[in-house]
Every structure is written in structure tokens, then in C-alpha cells.
Amino acid sequence: MDITIHSSFLPHTDPEASLQFYRDVLGFEVRLDVGRGTMRWITVGPPGQPDTNIVLQPPTCDPGITETEAALIADLMAKGTYAAINLASTDLDAAFARLEAAGVDIVQEPKNQDYGLRDCAVRDPAGNLVRIQATERPARVEED
């Protein structure tokens, strides 16, 4: 069986701000942009990976969501705890410098984690946590 990741969905509260973040700051390609106003579904993805996508969607687009659920989703998004995605970069420090220069909400500067990864974290315009890890793992320090 051959299963791959095709699309991951993240909510947006402002399609233009999200488009600017994913296209202009992260450098992703826009693959599809349908709808209008705040009811837009924008598919983006990294250049060179045509089968890997992020679909930016209205957070309460499911017709089965109640007003109470919509309010809960809005609260969780405002706290930045509703959705997250992990990305990777061959040059984490350059990626972070680009994010910082763009004035994005920095959550964590690049850091060597105890679990063997070097990463940073920011929030996109909707408050989604975006972690970016280095594709190369830092050398582990052996304890005596």
C-alpha cells in the first residue's frame, strides 16, 4: 500500500493575510483559490512538491457547526491552540530571519531541542502555530 500526505487543512480568519503569509513570506505556490470574501479555500504548497498541499479554509465552513461550536473555535483560534503544522527547512536560520523581517508573531527563536531537533515557531495571521524544523539534525552532546 502506497499512502502519501496530499493535503492538510488550516483555518484562516483573513484570506488575504493568510495568502500573504504562506505565499509571500514562506514562498509557497498558490495552487487553487476558490470562493470569495471570507469564504475562500486557498491551496498552497512548497515549490518542487506539487503533491503536498495546505488548504487554508474558513474555520466554520462545515454546515453542521453550531453557533456554540463556532464560538468555541473562535476562542481556541484566538488563543492559538486550535491548529498547528510542522514544516522543515534546509536553512532554518535563513527561514527564521525572513519570518522575523516580515514581522510575524514569533513564538520561539531557533533552538536545539533536547529531543534532537533544531526548530523555531511562529504564528500565522489566524493564530495557527507554525513550527519549522531544520532538516539536518544537530549533533547530540553525550553526557558523561
N, C-alpha and C. Protein backbone atom coordinates (compact mmCIF):
# COMPACT_ATOMS: atom_id res chain seq x y z
N MET A 1 0.85 -1.17 0.00
CA MET A 1 0.00 0.00 0.00
C MET A 1 0.90 1.24 0.00
N ASP A 2 0.60 2.19 -0.88
CA ASP A 2 1.38 3.41 -1.00
C ASP A 2 0.49 4.59 -0.63
N ILE A 3 0.66 5.12 0.57
CA ILE A 3 -0.15 6.25 1.04
C ILE A 3 0.77 7.44 1.27
N THR A 4 0.37 8.59 0.76
CA THR A 4 1.14 9.81 0.96
C THR A 4 0.25 10.88 1.59
N ILE A 5 0.86 11.93 2.06
CA ILE A 5 0.10 13.08 2.56
C ILE A 5 -0.16 13.99 1.37
N HIS A 6 -1.41 14.26 1.10
CA HIS A 6 -1.78 15.12 -0.02
C HIS A 6 -2.11 16.53 0.45
N SER A 7 -3.01 16.64 1.43
CA SER A 7 -3.44 17.95 1.91
C SER A 7 -3.64 17.94 3.41
N SER A 8 -3.28 19.06 4.01
CA SER A 8 -3.57 19.31 5.41
C SER A 8 -4.36 20.61 5.44
N PHE A 9 -5.32 20.71 6.34
CA PHE A 9 -6.19 21.87 6.37
C PHE A 9 -5.88 22.75 7.58
N LEU A 10 -5.80 24.05 7.35
CA LEU A 10 -5.63 25.03 8.41
C LEU A 10 -6.71 26.10 8.25
N PRO A 11 -7.26 26.58 9.36
CA PRO A 11 -8.26 27.64 9.26
C PRO A 11 -7.62 29.00 9.01
N HIS A 12 -8.36 29.86 8.36
CA HIS A 12 -7.94 31.26 8.21
C HIS A 12 -9.07 32.16 8.66
N THR A 13 -8.72 33.33 9.15
CA THR A 13 -9.72 34.32 9.52
C THR A 13 -9.69 35.50 8.56
N ASP A 14 -8.61 35.61 7.82
CA ASP A 14 -8.43 36.69 6.84
C ASP A 14 -7.69 36.08 5.65
N PRO A 15 -8.40 35.74 4.58
CA PRO A 15 -7.75 35.05 3.47
C PRO A 15 -6.58 35.83 2.86
N GLU A 16 -6.70 37.14 2.76
CA GLU A 16 -5.61 37.92 2.16
C GLU A 16 -4.36 37.90 3.04
N ALA A 17 -4.54 38.02 4.35
CA ALA A 17 -3.40 37.97 5.26
C ALA A 17 -2.75 36.59 5.24
N SER A 18 -3.57 35.55 5.19
CA SER A 18 -3.02 34.19 5.12
C SER A 18 -2.29 33.96 3.81
N LEU A 19 -2.86 34.46 2.73
CA LEU A 19 -2.22 34.34 1.42
C LEU A 19 -0.86 35.04 1.43
N GLN A 20 -0.82 36.23 2.00
CA GLN A 20 0.45 36.96 2.07
C GLN A 20 1.47 36.17 2.89
N PHE A 21 1.06 35.58 4.01
CA PHE A 21 1.99 34.83 4.86
C PHE A 21 2.52 33.60 4.13
N TYR A 22 1.65 32.76 3.61
CA TYR A 22 2.09 31.50 3.01
C TYR A 22 2.76 31.69 1.65
N ARG A 23 2.28 32.64 0.86
CA ARG A 23 2.86 32.87 -0.46
C ARG A 23 4.08 33.79 -0.38
N ASP A 24 3.91 34.96 0.22
CA ASP A 24 4.96 35.98 0.17
C ASP A 24 6.06 35.79 1.22
N VAL A 25 5.70 35.30 2.39
CA VAL A 25 6.70 35.13 3.45
C VAL A 25 7.34 33.74 3.37
N LEU A 26 6.52 32.69 3.32
CA LEU A 26 7.07 31.34 3.27
C LEU A 26 7.51 30.93 1.86
N GLY A 27 7.01 31.61 0.84
CA GLY A 27 7.41 31.30 -0.53
C GLY A 27 6.65 30.15 -1.17
N PHE A 28 5.48 29.81 -0.63
CA PHE A 28 4.69 28.72 -1.19
C PHE A 28 3.99 29.17 -2.47
N GLU A 29 3.71 28.20 -3.32
CA GLU A 29 2.94 28.44 -4.54
C GLU A 29 1.45 28.42 -4.21
N VAL A 30 0.69 29.25 -4.91
CA VAL A 30 -0.77 29.18 -4.81
C VAL A 30 -1.23 28.21 -5.87
N ARG A 31 -1.90 27.16 -5.46
CA ARG A 31 -2.32 26.11 -6.38
C ARG A 31 -3.79 26.21 -6.75
N LEU A 32 -4.57 26.77 -5.86
CA LEU A 32 -6.01 26.91 -6.11
C LEU A 32 -6.53 27.98 -5.16
N ASP A 33 -7.44 28.81 -5.65
CA ASP A 33 -8.05 29.85 -4.82
C ASP A 33 -9.50 29.96 -5.27
N VAL A 34 -10.39 29.42 -4.46
CA VAL A 34 -11.81 29.42 -4.83
C VAL A 34 -12.64 30.07 -3.73
N GLY A 35 -13.79 30.60 -4.12
CA GLY A 35 -14.67 31.27 -3.19
C GLY A 35 -14.48 32.77 -3.27
N ARG A 36 -15.13 33.47 -2.34
CA ARG A 36 -14.99 34.92 -2.30
C ARG A 36 -15.20 35.42 -0.89
N GLY A 37 -14.70 36.62 -0.65
CA GLY A 37 -14.80 37.19 0.69
C GLY A 37 -14.05 36.32 1.69
N THR A 38 -14.66 36.12 2.85
CA THR A 38 -14.02 35.27 3.86
C THR A 38 -14.29 33.80 3.61
N MET A 39 -15.17 33.49 2.68
CA MET A 39 -15.47 32.08 2.34
C MET A 39 -14.59 31.65 1.17
N ARG A 40 -13.28 31.64 1.41
CA ARG A 40 -12.31 31.24 0.39
C ARG A 40 -11.52 30.04 0.86
N TRP A 41 -11.26 29.14 -0.07
CA TRP A 41 -10.40 27.98 0.16
C TRP A 41 -9.17 28.20 -0.71
N ILE A 42 -8.02 28.37 -0.07
CA ILE A 42 -6.78 28.66 -0.78
C ILE A 42 -5.82 27.50 -0.57
N THR A 43 -5.43 26.87 -1.66
CA THR A 43 -4.50 25.74 -1.58
C THR A 43 -3.11 26.24 -1.94
N VAL A 44 -2.16 26.02 -1.02
CA VAL A 44 -0.78 26.43 -1.23
C VAL A 44 0.13 25.23 -1.00
N GLY A 45 1.35 25.34 -1.48
CA GLY A 45 2.31 24.26 -1.25
C GLY A 45 3.71 24.69 -1.62
N PRO A 46 4.69 23.96 -1.11
CA PRO A 46 6.08 24.31 -1.40
C PRO A 46 6.44 24.03 -2.85
N PRO A 47 7.22 24.93 -3.47
CA PRO A 47 7.69 24.67 -4.83
C PRO A 47 8.46 23.35 -4.86
N GLY A 48 8.30 22.61 -5.93
CA GLY A 48 9.00 21.34 -6.07
C GLY A 48 8.31 20.18 -5.39
N GLN A 49 7.20 20.44 -4.71
CA GLN A 49 6.42 19.37 -4.07
C GLN A 49 4.95 19.52 -4.49
N PRO A 50 4.65 19.25 -5.75
CA PRO A 50 3.30 19.52 -6.26
C PRO A 50 2.20 18.69 -5.63
N ASP A 51 2.54 17.61 -4.97
CA ASP A 51 1.52 16.75 -4.37
C ASP A 51 1.37 16.95 -2.87
N THR A 52 2.02 17.97 -2.31
CA THR A 52 1.91 18.27 -0.88
C THR A 52 1.29 19.65 -0.74
N ASN A 53 0.12 19.70 -0.08
CA ASN A 53 -0.65 20.94 -0.04
C ASN A 53 -1.12 21.28 1.36
N ILE A 54 -1.32 22.57 1.57
CA ILE A 54 -2.03 23.08 2.73
C ILE A 54 -3.24 23.80 2.18
N VAL A 55 -4.41 23.45 2.68
CA VAL A 55 -5.64 24.13 2.27
C VAL A 55 -6.04 25.07 3.40
N LEU A 56 -6.03 26.36 3.10
CA LEU A 56 -6.45 27.37 4.06
C LEU A 56 -7.94 27.56 3.86
N GLN A 57 -8.70 27.34 4.92
CA GLN A 57 -10.15 27.33 4.78
C GLN A 57 -10.82 28.15 5.87
N PRO A 58 -12.06 28.58 5.62
CA PRO A 58 -12.81 29.26 6.68
C PRO A 58 -12.99 28.29 7.86
N PRO A 59 -12.79 28.75 9.09
CA PRO A 59 -12.81 27.83 10.23
C PRO A 59 -14.17 27.21 10.52
N THR A 60 -15.22 27.85 10.11
CA THR A 60 -16.55 27.32 10.41
C THR A 60 -17.34 27.03 9.14
N CYS A 61 -16.65 26.52 8.13
CA CYS A 61 -17.31 26.29 6.84
C CYS A 61 -18.20 25.05 6.83
N ASP A 62 -18.04 24.16 7.78
CA ASP A 62 -18.88 22.96 7.83
C ASP A 62 -20.30 23.37 8.22
N PRO A 63 -21.29 23.03 7.40
CA PRO A 63 -22.66 23.45 7.71
C PRO A 63 -23.21 22.83 9.00
N GLY A 64 -22.56 21.81 9.52
CA GLY A 64 -23.03 21.17 10.75
C GLY A 64 -22.54 21.83 12.02
N ILE A 65 -21.71 22.87 11.91
CA ILE A 65 -21.18 23.53 13.10
C ILE A 65 -22.23 24.46 13.68
N THR A 66 -22.47 24.30 14.98
CA THR A 66 -23.45 25.15 15.66
C THR A 66 -22.82 26.49 16.02
N GLU A 67 -23.66 27.44 16.44
CA GLU A 67 -23.14 28.74 16.86
C GLU A 67 -22.23 28.59 18.07
N THR A 68 -22.58 27.69 18.98
CA THR A 68 -21.76 27.44 20.17
C THR A 68 -20.40 26.89 19.76
N GLU A 69 -20.40 25.95 18.83
CA GLU A 69 -19.13 25.37 18.34
C GLU A 69 -18.30 26.42 17.60
N ALA A 70 -18.96 27.27 16.82
CA ALA A 70 -18.25 28.33 16.10
C ALA A 70 -17.59 29.29 17.09
N ALA A 71 -18.28 29.61 18.18
CA ALA A 71 -17.71 30.48 19.21
C ALA A 71 -16.51 29.82 19.88
N LEU A 72 -16.61 28.52 20.14
CA LEU A 72 -15.50 27.78 20.74
C LEU A 72 -14.29 27.77 19.81
N ILE A 73 -14.53 27.52 18.52
CA ILE A 73 -13.45 27.53 17.54
C ILE A 73 -12.78 28.91 17.52
N ALA A 74 -13.59 29.97 17.51
CA ALA A 74 -13.04 31.33 17.51
C ALA A 74 -12.19 31.58 18.75
N ASP A 75 -12.66 31.11 19.91
CA ASP A 75 -11.89 31.27 21.16
C ASP A 75 -10.56 30.53 21.08
N LEU A 76 -10.59 29.28 20.60
CA LEU A 76 -9.37 28.48 20.51
C LEU A 76 -8.39 29.09 19.51
N MET A 77 -8.91 29.60 18.40
CA MET A 77 -8.03 30.25 17.42
C MET A 77 -7.40 31.50 18.01
N ALA A 78 -8.17 32.28 18.77
CA ALA A 78 -7.64 33.50 19.38
C ALA A 78 -6.52 33.18 20.37
N LYS A 79 -6.61 32.03 21.02
CA LYS A 79 -5.56 31.59 21.95
C LYS A 79 -4.39 30.94 21.23
N GLY A 80 -4.57 30.62 19.95
CA GLY A 80 -3.52 29.97 19.18
C GLY A 80 -3.40 28.49 19.48
N THR A 81 -4.49 27.87 19.92
CA THR A 81 -4.44 26.45 20.29
C THR A 81 -5.32 25.56 19.42
N TYR A 82 -5.87 26.10 18.35
CA TYR A 82 -6.80 25.32 17.53
C TYR A 82 -6.11 24.45 16.49
N ALA A 83 -5.09 24.99 15.83
CA ALA A 83 -4.45 24.22 14.75
C ALA A 83 -2.95 24.52 14.70
N ALA A 84 -2.22 23.55 14.16
CA ALA A 84 -0.77 23.69 14.04
C ALA A 84 -0.27 22.87 12.86
N ILE A 85 0.91 23.23 12.39
CA ILE A 85 1.55 22.46 11.32
C ILE A 85 3.06 22.51 11.53
N ASN A 86 3.73 21.44 11.19
CA ASN A 86 5.19 21.38 11.24
C ASN A 86 5.73 21.39 9.82
N LEU A 87 6.67 22.28 9.57
CA LEU A 87 7.34 22.38 8.28
C LEU A 87 8.83 22.11 8.49
N ALA A 88 9.59 22.03 7.43
CA ALA A 88 11.03 21.79 7.54
C ALA A 88 11.77 22.68 6.56
N SER A 89 13.01 23.03 6.91
CA SER A 89 13.84 23.87 6.06
C SER A 89 15.28 23.37 6.08
N THR A 90 15.93 23.47 4.93
CA THR A 90 17.35 23.12 4.87
C THR A 90 18.21 24.24 5.47
N ASP A 91 17.64 25.44 5.65
CA ASP A 91 18.36 26.56 6.26
C ASP A 91 17.43 27.26 7.24
N LEU A 92 17.33 26.69 8.43
CA LEU A 92 16.40 27.20 9.44
C LEU A 92 16.70 28.64 9.81
N ASP A 93 17.96 29.00 9.96
CA ASP A 93 18.29 30.36 10.37
C ASP A 93 17.88 31.39 9.32
N ALA A 94 18.07 31.08 8.04
CA ALA A 94 17.64 31.98 6.98
C ALA A 94 16.11 32.07 6.94
N ALA A 95 15.44 30.95 7.13
CA ALA A 95 13.97 30.95 7.16
C ALA A 95 13.47 31.82 8.31
N PHE A 96 14.10 31.66 9.48
CA PHE A 96 13.69 32.46 10.63
C PHE A 96 13.95 33.94 10.39
N ALA A 97 15.09 34.28 9.81
CA ALA A 97 15.41 35.68 9.53
C ALA A 97 14.35 36.29 8.60
N ARG A 98 13.90 35.52 7.63
CA ARG A 98 12.87 36.00 6.70
C ARG A 98 11.55 36.23 7.44
N LEU A 99 11.19 35.30 8.33
CA LEU A 99 9.97 35.44 9.12
C LEU A 99 10.05 36.66 10.03
N GLU A 100 11.19 36.81 10.69
CA GLU A 100 11.38 37.93 11.61
C GLU A 100 11.32 39.26 10.85
N ALA A 101 11.96 39.33 9.68
CA ALA A 101 11.95 40.55 8.87
C ALA A 101 10.54 40.91 8.40
N ALA A 102 9.71 39.89 8.22
CA ALA A 102 8.33 40.12 7.78
C ALA A 102 7.43 40.55 8.94
N GLY A 103 7.96 40.52 10.16
CA GLY A 103 7.18 40.98 11.31
C GLY A 103 6.15 39.99 11.81
N VAL A 104 6.36 38.70 11.54
CA VAL A 104 5.38 37.71 12.01
C VAL A 104 5.48 37.55 13.53
N ASP A 105 4.46 36.96 14.11
CA ASP A 105 4.40 36.71 15.55
C ASP A 105 5.35 35.57 15.90
N ILE A 106 6.47 35.89 16.54
CA ILE A 106 7.48 34.90 16.91
C ILE A 106 7.08 34.23 18.22
N VAL A 107 7.05 32.92 18.22
CA VAL A 107 6.76 32.15 19.43
C VAL A 107 8.06 31.62 20.04
N GLN A 108 8.97 31.16 19.18
CA GLN A 108 10.24 30.61 19.66
C GLN A 108 11.31 30.83 18.60
N GLU A 109 12.42 31.40 19.00
CA GLU A 109 13.56 31.56 18.11
C GLU A 109 14.19 30.19 17.86
N PRO A 110 15.03 30.05 16.82
CA PRO A 110 15.66 28.76 16.57
C PRO A 110 16.38 28.24 17.81
N LYS A 111 16.15 26.97 18.09
CA LYS A 111 16.67 26.38 19.32
C LYS A 111 16.94 24.90 19.10
N ASN A 112 18.05 24.41 19.67
CA ASN A 112 18.32 22.97 19.68
C ASN A 112 17.49 22.36 20.80
N GLN A 113 16.58 21.46 20.43
CA GLN A 113 15.70 20.84 21.41
C GLN A 113 16.38 19.61 22.03
N ASP A 114 15.97 19.27 23.25
CA ASP A 114 16.51 18.09 23.94
C ASP A 114 16.23 16.80 23.19
N TYR A 115 15.19 16.79 22.38
CA TYR A 115 14.81 15.56 21.67
C TYR A 115 15.47 15.43 20.30
N GLY A 116 16.51 16.25 20.06
CA GLY A 116 17.33 16.04 18.87
C GLY A 116 16.98 16.85 17.65
N LEU A 117 16.06 17.80 17.74
CA LEU A 117 15.71 18.65 16.60
C LEU A 117 16.10 20.09 16.89
N ARG A 118 16.36 20.82 15.84
CA ARG A 118 16.53 22.28 15.94
C ARG A 118 15.32 22.87 15.23
N ASP A 119 14.60 23.76 15.92
CA ASP A 119 13.40 24.32 15.32
C ASP A 119 13.10 25.71 15.86
N CYS A 120 12.11 26.33 15.22
CA CYS A 120 11.58 27.61 15.68
C CYS A 120 10.07 27.53 15.53
N ALA A 121 9.38 28.54 16.05
CA ALA A 121 7.92 28.53 15.95
C ALA A 121 7.41 29.96 15.80
N VAL A 122 6.39 30.10 14.96
CA VAL A 122 5.72 31.38 14.75
C VAL A 122 4.22 31.12 14.68
N ARG A 123 3.46 32.19 14.64
CA ARG A 123 2.01 32.07 14.41
C ARG A 123 1.68 32.73 13.08
N ASP A 124 0.79 32.08 12.33
CA ASP A 124 0.34 32.69 11.08
C ASP A 124 -0.73 33.72 11.43
N PRO A 125 -1.25 34.47 10.46
CA PRO A 125 -2.22 35.52 10.76
C PRO A 125 -3.49 35.05 11.47
N ALA A 126 -3.85 33.77 11.34
CA ALA A 126 -5.03 33.24 12.01
C ALA A 126 -4.71 32.72 13.41
N GLY A 127 -3.45 32.75 13.80
CA GLY A 127 -3.06 32.25 15.11
C GLY A 127 -2.61 30.81 15.12
N ASN A 128 -2.60 30.16 13.95
CA ASN A 128 -2.13 28.77 13.88
C ASN A 128 -0.64 28.71 14.20
N LEU A 129 -0.24 27.71 14.98
CA LEU A 129 1.16 27.53 15.30
C LEU A 129 1.87 26.89 14.11
N VAL A 130 2.92 27.52 13.65
CA VAL A 130 3.72 27.01 12.54
C VAL A 130 5.13 26.76 13.08
N ARG A 131 5.48 25.49 13.23
CA ARG A 131 6.82 25.11 13.67
C ARG A 131 7.63 24.77 12.43
N ILE A 132 8.88 25.22 12.40
CA ILE A 132 9.77 24.89 11.30
C ILE A 132 11.02 24.26 11.89
N GLN A 133 11.32 23.06 11.43
CA GLN A 133 12.50 22.37 11.95
C GLN A 133 13.56 22.28 10.87
N ALA A 134 14.80 22.22 11.31
CA ALA A 134 15.92 22.04 10.39
C ALA A 134 15.89 20.61 9.88
N THR A 135 16.16 20.45 8.59
CA THR A 135 16.17 19.09 8.04
C THR A 135 17.40 18.33 8.51
N GLU A 136 18.45 19.05 8.86
CA GLU A 136 19.65 18.40 9.39
C GLU A 136 19.59 18.45 10.91
N ARG A 137 19.78 17.31 11.52
CA ARG A 137 19.72 17.26 12.98
C ARG A 137 21.03 17.74 13.59
N PRO A 138 20.94 18.51 14.70
CA PRO A 138 22.16 18.95 15.35
C PRO A 138 22.88 17.77 16.00
N ALA A 139 24.18 17.93 16.16
CA ALA A 139 24.95 16.86 16.82
C ALA A 139 24.49 16.77 18.27
N ARG A 140 24.30 15.56 18.74
CA ARG A 140 23.89 15.36 20.12
C ARG A 140 25.12 15.39 21.02
N VAL A 141 24.95 16.00 22.14
CA VAL A 141 26.02 16.04 23.12
C VAL A 141 25.83 14.88 24.07
N GLU A 142 26.82 14.01 24.14
CA GLU A 142 26.76 12.86 25.04
C GLU A 142 27.08 13.31 26.46
N GLU A 143 26.26 12.88 27.40
CA GLU A 143 26.51 13.21 28.79
C GLU A 143 27.40 12.15 29.41
N ASP A 144 28.30 12.59 30.30
CA ASP A 144 29.20 11.66 30.98
C ASP A 144 28.51 10.98 32.13
